[in-house]
PDB file of all heavy atoms in Angstrom:
ATOM      1  N   LEU A   1      10.114   0.636  -2.674  1.00  0.00           N
ATOM      2  CA  LEU A   1       9.875   1.135  -4.025  1.00  0.00           C
ATOM      3  C   LEU A   1      11.107   1.030  -4.915  1.00  0.00           C
ATOM      4  O   LEU A   1      10.993   1.233  -6.131  1.00  0.00           O
ATOM      5  CB  LEU A   1       9.410   2.598  -3.985  1.00  0.00           C
ATOM      6  CG  LEU A   1       8.018   2.860  -3.382  1.00  0.00           C
ATOM      7  CD1 LEU A   1       7.764   4.368  -3.279  1.00  0.00           C
ATOM      8  CD2 LEU A   1       6.931   2.196  -4.209  1.00  0.00           C
ATOM      9  N   ASP A   2      12.285   0.745  -4.358  1.00  0.00           N
ATOM     10  CA  ASP A   2      13.475   0.636  -5.210  1.00  0.00           C
ATOM     11  C   ASP A   2      13.470  -0.701  -5.952  1.00  0.00           C
ATOM     12  O   ASP A   2      12.838  -1.669  -5.516  1.00  0.00           O
ATOM     13  CB  ASP A   2      14.754   0.822  -4.402  1.00  0.00           C
ATOM     14  CG  ASP A   2      15.037  -0.323  -3.419  1.00  0.00           C
ATOM     15  OD1 ASP A   2      14.100  -0.730  -2.710  1.00  0.00           O
ATOM     16  OD2 ASP A   2      16.189  -0.796  -3.358  1.00  0.00           O
ATOM     17  N   THR A   3      14.171  -0.749  -7.085  1.00  0.00           N
ATOM     18  CA  THR A   3      14.185  -1.947  -7.920  1.00  0.00           C
ATOM     19  C   THR A   3      15.618  -2.363  -8.249  1.00  0.00           C
ATOM     20  O   THR A   3      16.574  -1.626  -8.009  1.00  0.00           O
ATOM     21  CB  THR A   3      13.448  -1.721  -9.260  1.00  0.00           C
ATOM     22  OG1 THR A   3      14.284  -0.958 -10.150  1.00  0.00           O
ATOM     23  CG2 THR A   3      12.116  -1.019  -9.067  1.00  0.00           C
ATOM     24  N   GLN A   4      15.720  -3.539  -8.834  1.00  0.00           N
ATOM     25  CA  GLN A   4      16.969  -3.991  -9.436  1.00  0.00           C
ATOM     26  C   GLN A   4      17.249  -3.175 -10.708  1.00  0.00           C
ATOM     27  O   GLN A   4      16.350  -2.509 -11.238  1.00  0.00           O
ATOM     28  CB  GLN A   4      16.856  -5.475  -9.796  1.00  0.00           C
ATOM     29  CG  GLN A   4      16.785  -6.411  -8.606  1.00  0.00           C
ATOM     30  CD  GLN A   4      18.139  -6.621  -7.960  1.00  0.00           C
ATOM     31  OE1 GLN A   4      19.169  -6.689  -8.635  1.00  0.00           O
ATOM     32  NE2 GLN A   4      18.162  -6.719  -6.635  1.00  0.00           N
ATOM     33  N   PRO A   5      18.481  -3.234 -11.243  1.00  0.00           N
ATOM     34  CA  PRO A   5      18.750  -2.543 -12.513  1.00  0.00           C
ATOM     35  C   PRO A   5      17.876  -3.058 -13.656  1.00  0.00           C
ATOM     36  O   PRO A   5      17.492  -2.291 -14.542  1.00  0.00           O
ATOM     37  CB  PRO A   5      20.226  -2.842 -12.774  1.00  0.00           C
ATOM     38  CG  PRO A   5      20.795  -3.242 -11.467  1.00  0.00           C
ATOM     39  CD  PRO A   5      19.686  -3.879 -10.695  1.00  0.00           C
ATOM     40  N   THR A   6      17.582  -4.346 -13.632  1.00  0.00           N
ATOM     41  CA  THR A   6      16.656  -4.941 -14.601  1.00  0.00           C
ATOM     42  C   THR A   6      15.522  -5.578 -13.803  1.00  0.00           C
ATOM     43  O   THR A   6      15.320  -6.788 -13.833  1.00  0.00           O
ATOM     44  CB  THR A   6      17.360  -5.974 -15.498  1.00  0.00           C
ATOM     45  OG1 THR A   6      18.021  -6.945 -14.664  1.00  0.00           O
ATOM     46  CG2 THR A   6      18.381  -5.311 -16.395  1.00  0.00           C
ATOM     47  N   GLY A   7      14.799  -4.737 -13.071  1.00  0.00           N
ATOM     48  CA  GLY A   7      13.768  -5.210 -12.164  1.00  0.00           C
ATOM     49  C   GLY A   7      12.392  -5.219 -12.791  1.00  0.00           C
ATOM     50  O   GLY A   7      12.160  -4.673 -13.875  1.00  0.00           O
ATOM     51  N   GLY A   8      11.464  -5.850 -12.073  1.00  0.00           N
ATOM     52  CA  GLY A   8      10.082  -5.884 -12.511  1.00  0.00           C
ATOM     53  C   GLY A   8       9.270  -4.749 -11.911  1.00  0.00           C
ATOM     54  O   GLY A   8       9.784  -3.911 -11.160  1.00  0.00           O
ATOM     55  N   LYS A   9       7.987  -4.749 -12.229  1.00  0.00           N
ATOM     56  CA  LYS A   9       7.093  -3.675 -11.801  1.00  0.00           C
ATOM     57  C   LYS A   9       6.446  -3.936 -10.443  1.00  0.00           C
ATOM     58  O   LYS A   9       5.734  -3.068  -9.931  1.00  0.00           O
ATOM     59  CB  LYS A   9       5.987  -3.487 -12.853  1.00  0.00           C
ATOM     60  CG  LYS A   9       6.485  -3.077 -14.233  1.00  0.00           C
ATOM     61  CD  LYS A   9       5.338  -2.729 -15.185  1.00  0.00           C
ATOM     62  CE  LYS A   9       4.588  -3.964 -15.678  1.00  0.00           C
ATOM     63  NZ  LYS A   9       5.360  -4.732 -16.685  1.00  0.00           N
ATOM     64  N   TYR A  10       6.675  -5.127  -9.859  1.00  0.00           N
ATOM     65  CA  TYR A  10       5.876  -5.533  -8.700  1.00  0.00           C
ATOM     66  C   TYR A  10       6.700  -5.830  -7.450  1.00  0.00           C
ATOM     67  O   TYR A  10       6.188  -5.696  -6.333  1.00  0.00           O
ATOM     68  CB  TYR A  10       5.042  -6.771  -9.056  1.00  0.00           C
ATOM     69  CG  TYR A  10       4.330  -6.619 -10.381  1.00  0.00           C
ATOM     70  CD1 TYR A  10       4.806  -7.260 -11.531  1.00  0.00           C
ATOM     71  CD2 TYR A  10       3.209  -5.806 -10.497  1.00  0.00           C
ATOM     72  CE1 TYR A  10       4.171  -7.103 -12.753  1.00  0.00           C
ATOM     73  CE2 TYR A  10       2.571  -5.643 -11.720  1.00  0.00           C
ATOM     74  CZ  TYR A  10       3.057  -6.287 -12.846  1.00  0.00           C
ATOM     75  OH  TYR A  10       2.436  -6.116 -14.063  1.00  0.00           O
ATOM     76  N   ASP A  11       7.934  -6.254  -7.600  1.00  0.00           N
ATOM     77  CA  ASP A  11       8.803  -6.602  -6.482  1.00  0.00           C
ATOM     78  C   ASP A  11       8.908  -5.410  -5.535  1.00  0.00           C
ATOM     79  O   ASP A  11       9.483  -4.387  -5.879  1.00  0.00           O
ATOM     80  CB  ASP A  11      10.176  -7.006  -7.034  1.00  0.00           C
ATOM     81  CG  ASP A  11      11.226  -7.251  -5.964  1.00  0.00           C
ATOM     82  OD1 ASP A  11      10.927  -7.151  -4.766  1.00  0.00           O
ATOM     83  OD2 ASP A  11      12.380  -7.544  -6.350  1.00  0.00           O
ATOM     84  N   GLY A  12       8.340  -5.536  -4.338  1.00  0.00           N
ATOM     85  CA  GLY A  12       8.366  -4.452  -3.362  1.00  0.00           C
ATOM     86  C   GLY A  12       7.255  -3.445  -3.570  1.00  0.00           C
ATOM     87  O   GLY A  12       6.534  -3.090  -2.636  1.00  0.00           O
ATOM     88  N   VAL A  13       7.099  -3.002  -4.813  1.00  0.00           N
ATOM     89  CA  VAL A  13       6.130  -1.946  -5.123  1.00  0.00           C
ATOM     90  C   VAL A  13       4.709  -2.404  -4.808  1.00  0.00           C
ATOM     91  O   VAL A  13       3.886  -1.623  -4.315  1.00  0.00           O
ATOM     92  CB  VAL A  13       6.253  -1.534  -6.605  1.00  0.00           C
ATOM     93  CG1 VAL A  13       5.372  -0.326  -6.898  1.00  0.00           C
ATOM     94  CG2 VAL A  13       7.704  -1.238  -6.962  1.00  0.00           C
ATOM     95  N   LEU A  14       4.419  -3.677  -5.081  1.00  0.00           N
ATOM     96  CA  LEU A  14       3.087  -4.206  -4.784  1.00  0.00           C
ATOM     97  C   LEU A  14       2.748  -4.012  -3.313  1.00  0.00           C
ATOM     98  O   LEU A  14       1.627  -3.628  -2.964  1.00  0.00           O
ATOM     99  CB  LEU A  14       3.014  -5.693  -5.156  1.00  0.00           C
ATOM    100  CG  LEU A  14       1.703  -6.403  -4.786  1.00  0.00           C
ATOM    101  CD1 LEU A  14       0.532  -5.827  -5.579  1.00  0.00           C
ATOM    102  CD2 LEU A  14       1.822  -7.916  -5.005  1.00  0.00           C
ATOM    103  N   GLY A  15       3.712  -4.262  -2.425  1.00  0.00           N
ATOM    104  CA  GLY A  15       3.445  -4.140  -0.995  1.00  0.00           C
ATOM    105  C   GLY A  15       3.215  -2.715  -0.549  1.00  0.00           C
ATOM    106  O   GLY A  15       2.326  -2.442   0.267  1.00  0.00           O
ATOM    107  N   VAL A  16       4.004  -1.777  -1.085  1.00  0.00           N
ATOM    108  CA  VAL A  16       3.843  -0.367  -0.705  1.00  0.00           C
ATOM    109  C   VAL A  16       2.509   0.176  -1.213  1.00  0.00           C
ATOM    110  O   VAL A  16       1.741   0.797  -0.469  1.00  0.00           O
ATOM    111  CB  VAL A  16       5.012   0.474  -1.256  1.00  0.00           C
ATOM    112  CG1 VAL A  16       4.793   1.957  -0.939  1.00  0.00           C
ATOM    113  CG2 VAL A  16       6.341   0.009  -0.665  1.00  0.00           C
ATOM    114  N   LEU A  17       2.229  -0.059  -2.489  1.00  0.00           N
ATOM    115  CA  LEU A  17       1.014   0.512  -3.072  1.00  0.00           C
ATOM    116  C   LEU A  17      -0.242  -0.220  -2.598  1.00  0.00           C
ATOM    117  O   LEU A  17      -1.324   0.375  -2.560  1.00  0.00           O
ATOM    118  CB  LEU A  17       1.118   0.524  -4.594  1.00  0.00           C
ATOM    119  CG  LEU A  17       2.256   1.401  -5.148  1.00  0.00           C
ATOM    120  CD1 LEU A  17       2.169   1.498  -6.665  1.00  0.00           C
ATOM    121  CD2 LEU A  17       2.250   2.798  -4.524  1.00  0.00           C
ATOM    122  N   SER A  18      -0.130  -1.487  -2.218  1.00  0.00           N
ATOM    123  CA  SER A  18      -1.267  -2.163  -1.598  1.00  0.00           C
ATOM    124  C   SER A  18      -1.552  -1.571  -0.218  1.00  0.00           C
ATOM    125  O   SER A  18      -2.711  -1.492   0.206  1.00  0.00           O
ATOM    126  CB  SER A  18      -1.017  -3.666  -1.492  1.00  0.00           C
ATOM    127  OG  SER A  18      -1.013  -4.263  -2.770  1.00  0.00           O
ATOM    128  N   GLY A  19      -0.509  -1.151   0.485  1.00  0.00           N
ATOM    129  CA  GLY A  19      -0.715  -0.454   1.750  1.00  0.00           C
ATOM    130  C   GLY A  19      -1.498   0.832   1.546  1.00  0.00           C
ATOM    131  O   GLY A  19      -2.443   1.138   2.296  1.00  0.00           O
ATOM    132  N   LEU A  20      -1.108   1.590   0.526  1.00  0.00           N
ATOM    133  CA  LEU A  20      -1.862   2.793   0.178  1.00  0.00           C
ATOM    134  C   LEU A  20      -3.301   2.446  -0.181  1.00  0.00           C
ATOM    135  O   LEU A  20      -4.251   3.127   0.252  1.00  0.00           O
ATOM    136  CB  LEU A  20      -1.179   3.502  -0.991  1.00  0.00           C
ATOM    137  CG  LEU A  20      -1.960   4.616  -1.685  1.00  0.00           C
ATOM    138  CD1 LEU A  20      -2.302   5.743  -0.720  1.00  0.00           C
ATOM    139  CD2 LEU A  20      -1.177   5.133  -2.896  1.00  0.00           C
ATOM    140  N   GLU A  21      -3.488   1.380  -0.962  1.00  0.00           N
ATOM    141  CA  GLU A  21      -4.843   0.981  -1.361  1.00  0.00           C
ATOM    142  C   GLU A  21      -5.682   0.557  -0.159  1.00  0.00           C
ATOM    143  O   GLU A  21      -6.896   0.816  -0.121  1.00  0.00           O
ATOM    144  CB  GLU A  21      -4.780  -0.141  -2.404  1.00  0.00           C
ATOM    145  CG  GLU A  21      -6.131  -0.698  -2.834  1.00  0.00           C
ATOM    146  CD  GLU A  21      -7.090   0.358  -3.347  1.00  0.00           C
ATOM    147  OE1 GLU A  21      -6.636   1.347  -3.974  1.00  0.00           O
ATOM    148  OE2 GLU A  21      -8.310   0.214  -3.115  1.00  0.00           O
ATOM    149  N   VAL A  22      -5.069  -0.066   0.837  1.00  0.00           N
ATOM    150  CA  VAL A  22      -5.792  -0.395   2.072  1.00  0.00           C
ATOM    151  C   VAL A  22      -6.358   0.874   2.700  1.00  0.00           C
ATOM    152  O   VAL A  22      -7.535   0.914   3.106  1.00  0.00           O
ATOM    153  CB  VAL A  22      -4.863  -1.145   3.055  1.00  0.00           C
ATOM    154  CG1 VAL A  22      -5.428  -1.127   4.476  1.00  0.00           C
ATOM    155  CG2 VAL A  22      -4.648  -2.585   2.594  1.00  0.00           C
ATOM    156  N   ILE A  23      -5.550   1.922   2.783  1.00  0.00           N
ATOM    157  CA  ILE A  23      -6.026   3.181   3.371  1.00  0.00           C
ATOM    158  C   ILE A  23      -7.113   3.801   2.502  1.00  0.00           C
ATOM    159  O   ILE A  23      -8.138   4.291   3.016  1.00  0.00           O
ATOM    160  CB  ILE A  23      -4.860   4.167   3.568  1.00  0.00           C
ATOM    161  CG1 ILE A  23      -3.778   3.550   4.477  1.00  0.00           C
ATOM    162  CG2 ILE A  23      -5.372   5.491   4.134  1.00  0.00           C
ATOM    163  CD1 ILE A  23      -4.279   3.091   5.829  1.00  0.00           C
ATOM    164  N   ARG A  24      -6.916   3.804   1.191  1.00  0.00           N
ATOM    165  CA  ARG A  24      -7.950   4.342   0.302  1.00  0.00           C
ATOM    166  C   ARG A  24      -9.275   3.600   0.501  1.00  0.00           C
ATOM    167  O   ARG A  24     -10.351   4.219   0.558  1.00  0.00           O
ATOM    168  CB  ARG A  24      -7.492   4.226  -1.151  1.00  0.00           C
ATOM    169  CG  ARG A  24      -6.403   5.217  -1.561  1.00  0.00           C
ATOM    170  CD  ARG A  24      -5.827   4.862  -2.924  1.00  0.00           C
ATOM    171  NE  ARG A  24      -5.070   5.951  -3.531  1.00  0.00           N
ATOM    172  CZ  ARG A  24      -4.335   5.834  -4.631  1.00  0.00           C
ATOM    173  NH1 ARG A  24      -4.249   4.651  -5.249  1.00  0.00           N
ATOM    174  NH2 ARG A  24      -3.691   6.870  -5.130  1.00  0.00           N
ATOM    175  N   ALA A  25      -9.196   2.262   0.598  1.00  0.00           N
ATOM    176  CA  ALA A  25     -10.413   1.466   0.762  1.00  0.00           C
ATOM    177  C   ALA A  25     -11.080   1.746   2.109  1.00  0.00           C
ATOM    178  O   ALA A  25     -12.311   1.862   2.197  1.00  0.00           O
ATOM    179  CB  ALA A  25     -10.087  -0.020   0.621  1.00  0.00           C
ATOM    180  N   ILE A  26     -10.276   1.861   3.159  1.00  0.00           N
ATOM    181  CA  ILE A  26     -10.822   2.161   4.486  1.00  0.00           C
ATOM    182  C   ILE A  26     -11.566   3.495   4.461  1.00  0.00           C
ATOM    183  O   ILE A  26     -12.669   3.631   5.015  1.00  0.00           O
ATOM    184  CB  ILE A  26      -9.687   2.166   5.530  1.00  0.00           C
ATOM    185  CG1 ILE A  26      -9.218   0.733   5.808  1.00  0.00           C
ATOM    186  CG2 ILE A  26     -10.133   2.852   6.824  1.00  0.00           C
ATOM    187  CD1 ILE A  26      -7.982   0.655   6.690  1.00  0.00           C
ATOM    188  N   ARG A  27     -10.967   4.483   3.803  1.00  0.00           N
ATOM    189  CA  ARG A  27     -11.611   5.800   3.705  1.00  0.00           C
ATOM    190  C   ARG A  27     -12.889   5.715   2.881  1.00  0.00           C
ATOM    191  O   ARG A  27     -13.919   6.305   3.252  1.00  0.00           O
ATOM    192  CB  ARG A  27     -10.642   6.813   3.089  1.00  0.00           C
ATOM    193  CG  ARG A  27      -9.554   7.275   4.039  1.00  0.00           C
ATOM    194  CD  ARG A  27      -8.480   8.054   3.302  1.00  0.00           C
ATOM    195  NE  ARG A  27      -8.994   9.183   2.555  1.00  0.00           N
ATOM    196  CZ  ARG A  27      -9.146  10.425   3.040  1.00  0.00           C
ATOM    197  NH1 ARG A  27      -8.836  10.675   4.305  1.00  0.00           N
ATOM    198  NH2 ARG A  27      -9.585  11.407   2.276  1.00  0.00           N
ATOM    199  N   ASP A  28     -12.828   4.999   1.765  1.00  0.00           N
ATOM    200  CA  ASP A  28     -14.014   4.869   0.904  1.00  0.00           C
ATOM    201  C   ASP A  28     -15.195   4.276   1.674  1.00  0.00           C
ATOM    202  O   ASP A  28     -16.347   4.670   1.469  1.00  0.00           O
ATOM    203  CB  ASP A  28     -13.714   3.981  -0.301  1.00  0.00           C
ATOM    204  CG  ASP A  28     -12.801   4.641  -1.323  1.00  0.00           C
ATOM    205  OD1 ASP A  28     -12.572   5.867  -1.202  1.00  0.00           O
ATOM    206  OD2 ASP A  28     -12.320   3.928  -2.224  1.00  0.00           O
ATOM    207  N   MET A  29     -14.886   3.282   2.517  1.00  0.00           N
ATOM    208  CA  MET A  29     -15.952   2.570   3.239  1.00  0.00           C
ATOM    209  C   MET A  29     -16.339   3.242   4.549  1.00  0.00           C
ATOM    210  O   MET A  29     -17.249   2.778   5.243  1.00  0.00           O
ATOM    211  CB  MET A  29     -15.519   1.123   3.496  1.00  0.00           C
ATOM    212  CG  MET A  29     -15.442   0.288   2.221  1.00  0.00           C
ATOM    213  SD  MET A  29     -14.940  -1.430   2.508  1.00  0.00           S
ATOM    214  CE  MET A  29     -13.172  -1.247   2.745  1.00  0.00           C
ATOM    215  N   GLY A  30     -15.642   4.313   4.890  1.00  0.00           N
ATOM    216  CA  GLY A  30     -15.956   5.027   6.121  1.00  0.00           C
ATOM    217  C   GLY A  30     -15.627   4.256   7.381  1.00  0.00           C
ATOM    218  O   GLY A  30     -16.203   4.506   8.446  1.00  0.00           O
ATOM    219  N   LEU A  31     -14.668   3.328   7.290  1.00  0.00           N
ATOM    220  CA  LEU A  31     -14.284   2.526   8.450  1.00  0.00           C
ATOM    221  C   LEU A  31     -13.340   3.309   9.358  1.00  0.00           C
ATOM    222  O   LEU A  31     -12.534   4.127   8.896  1.00  0.00           O
ATOM    223  CB  LEU A  31     -13.609   1.230   8.002  1.00  0.00           C
ATOM    224  CG  LEU A  31     -14.477   0.253   7.201  1.00  0.00           C
ATOM    225  CD1 LEU A  31     -13.623  -0.896   6.685  1.00  0.00           C
ATOM    226  CD2 LEU A  31     -15.627  -0.276   8.056  1.00  0.00           C
ATOM    227  N   LYS A  32     -13.429   3.058  10.643  1.00  0.00           N
ATOM    228  CA  LYS A  32     -12.540   3.672  11.624  1.00  0.00           C
ATOM    229  C   LYS A  32     -11.824   2.570  12.399  1.00  0.00           C
ATOM    230  O   LYS A  32     -12.422   1.534  12.717  1.00  0.00           O
ATOM    231  CB  LYS A  32     -13.325   4.548  12.610  1.00  0.00           C
ATOM    232  CG  LYS A  32     -14.159   5.641  11.960  1.00  0.00           C
ATOM    233  CD  LYS A  32     -13.285   6.723  11.352  1.00  0.00           C
ATOM    234  CE  LYS A  32     -14.141   7.867  10.806  1.00  0.00           C
ATOM    235  NZ  LYS A  32     -13.314   8.920  10.177  1.00  0.00           N
ATOM    236  N   THR A  33     -10.547   2.787  12.684  1.00  0.00           N
ATOM    237  CA  THR A  33      -9.799   1.830  13.498  1.00  0.00           C
ATOM    238  C   THR A  33      -9.294   2.525  14.754  1.00  0.00           C
ATOM    239  O   THR A  33      -9.021   3.730  14.751  1.00  0.00           O
ATOM    240  CB  THR A  33      -8.607   1.247  12.725  1.00  0.00           C
ATOM    241  OG1 THR A  33      -7.717   2.310  12.331  1.00  0.00           O
ATOM    242  CG2 THR A  33      -9.080   0.488  11.495  1.00  0.00           C
ATOM    243  N   ARG A  34      -9.165   1.742  15.809  1.00  0.00           N
ATOM    244  CA  ARG A  34      -8.637   2.319  17.055  1.00  0.00           C
ATOM    245  C   ARG A  34      -7.182   2.711  16.880  1.00  0.00           C
ATOM    246  O   ARG A  34      -6.758   3.796  17.298  1.00  0.00           O
ATOM    247  CB  ARG A  34      -8.786   1.333  18.215  1.00  0.00           C
ATOM    248  CG  ARG A  34      -8.360   1.939  19.557  1.00  0.00           C
ATOM    249  CD  ARG A  34      -8.607   1.001  20.714  1.00  0.00           C
ATOM    250  NE  ARG A  34      -7.594  -0.049  20.809  1.00  0.00           N
ATOM    251  CZ  ARG A  34      -6.399   0.116  21.398  1.00  0.00           C
ATOM    252  NH1 ARG A  34      -6.057   1.285  21.918  1.00  0.00           N
ATOM    253  NH2 ARG A  34      -5.560  -0.893  21.482  1.00  0.00           N
ATOM    254  N   ARG A  35      -6.429   1.845  16.237  1.00  0.00           N
ATOM    255  CA  ARG A  35      -4.996   2.097  16.079  1.00  0.00           C
ATOM    256  C   ARG A  35      -4.720   2.864  14.777  1.00  0.00           C
ATOM    257  O   ARG A  35      -5.375   2.628  13.761  1.00  0.00           O
ATOM    258  CB  ARG A  35      -4.214   0.783  16.040  1.00  0.00           C
ATOM    259  CG  ARG A  35      -4.305  -0.030  17.311  1.00  0.00           C
ATOM    260  CD  ARG A  35      -3.486  -1.302  17.210  1.00  0.00           C
ATOM    261  NE  ARG A  35      -3.619  -2.112  18.406  1.00  0.00           N
ATOM    262  CZ  ARG A  35      -2.919  -1.919  19.529  1.00  0.00           C
ATOM    263  NH1 ARG A  35      -2.017  -0.947  19.578  1.00  0.00           N
ATOM    264  NH2 ARG A  35      -3.112  -2.681  20.581  1.00  0.00           N
ATOM    265  N   PRO A  36      -3.734   3.751  14.792  1.00  0.00           N
ATOM    266  CA  PRO A  36      -3.282   4.329  13.523  1.00  0.00           C
ATOM    267  C   PRO A  36      -2.697   3.239  12.619  1.00  0.00           C
ATOM    268  O   PRO A  36      -2.288   2.169  13.088  1.00  0.00           O
ATOM    269  CB  PRO A  36      -2.189   5.318  13.957  1.00  0.00           C
ATOM    270  CG  PRO A  36      -2.411   5.548  15.416  1.00  0.00           C
ATOM    271  CD  PRO A  36      -2.998   4.279  15.950  1.00  0.00           C
ATOM    272  N   ILE A  37      -2.647   3.518  11.329  1.00  0.00           N
ATOM    273  CA  ILE A  37      -2.024   2.621  10.353  1.00  0.00           C
ATOM    274  C   ILE A  37      -0.965   3.418   9.607  1.00  0.00           C
ATOM    275  O   ILE A  37      -1.236   4.528   9.133  1.00  0.00           O
ATOM    276  CB  ILE A  37      -3.062   2.045   9.368  1.00  0.00           C
ATOM    277  CG1 ILE A  37      -4.155   1.283  10.121  1.00  0.00           C
ATOM    278  CG2 ILE A  37      -2.389   1.135   8.338  1.00  0.00           C
ATOM    279  CD1 ILE A  37      -5.345   0.891   9.266  1.00  0.00           C
ATOM    280  N   VAL A  38       0.243   2.878   9.513  1.00  0.00           N
ATOM    281  CA  VAL A  38       1.370   3.581   8.894  1.00  0.00           C
ATOM    282  C   VAL A  38       1.878   2.756   7.718  1.00  0.00           C
ATOM    283  O   VAL A  38       2.279   1.600   7.892  1.00  0.00           O
ATOM    284  CB  VAL A  38       2.510   3.823   9.908  1.00  0.00           C
ATOM    285  CG1 VAL A  38       3.679   4.544   9.234  1.00  0.00           C
ATOM    286  CG2 VAL A  38       2.002   4.628  11.106  1.00  0.00           C
TER     287      VAL A  38
END
């Protein structure tokens, strides 16, 4: 989530928040996985 002094909105942040969105989507769809996701 950290940025350059003159950084953009997506470098790094896209990966972290897409990870969160993966979990949100899994919950929305009621999917279960054997392994935890971190």
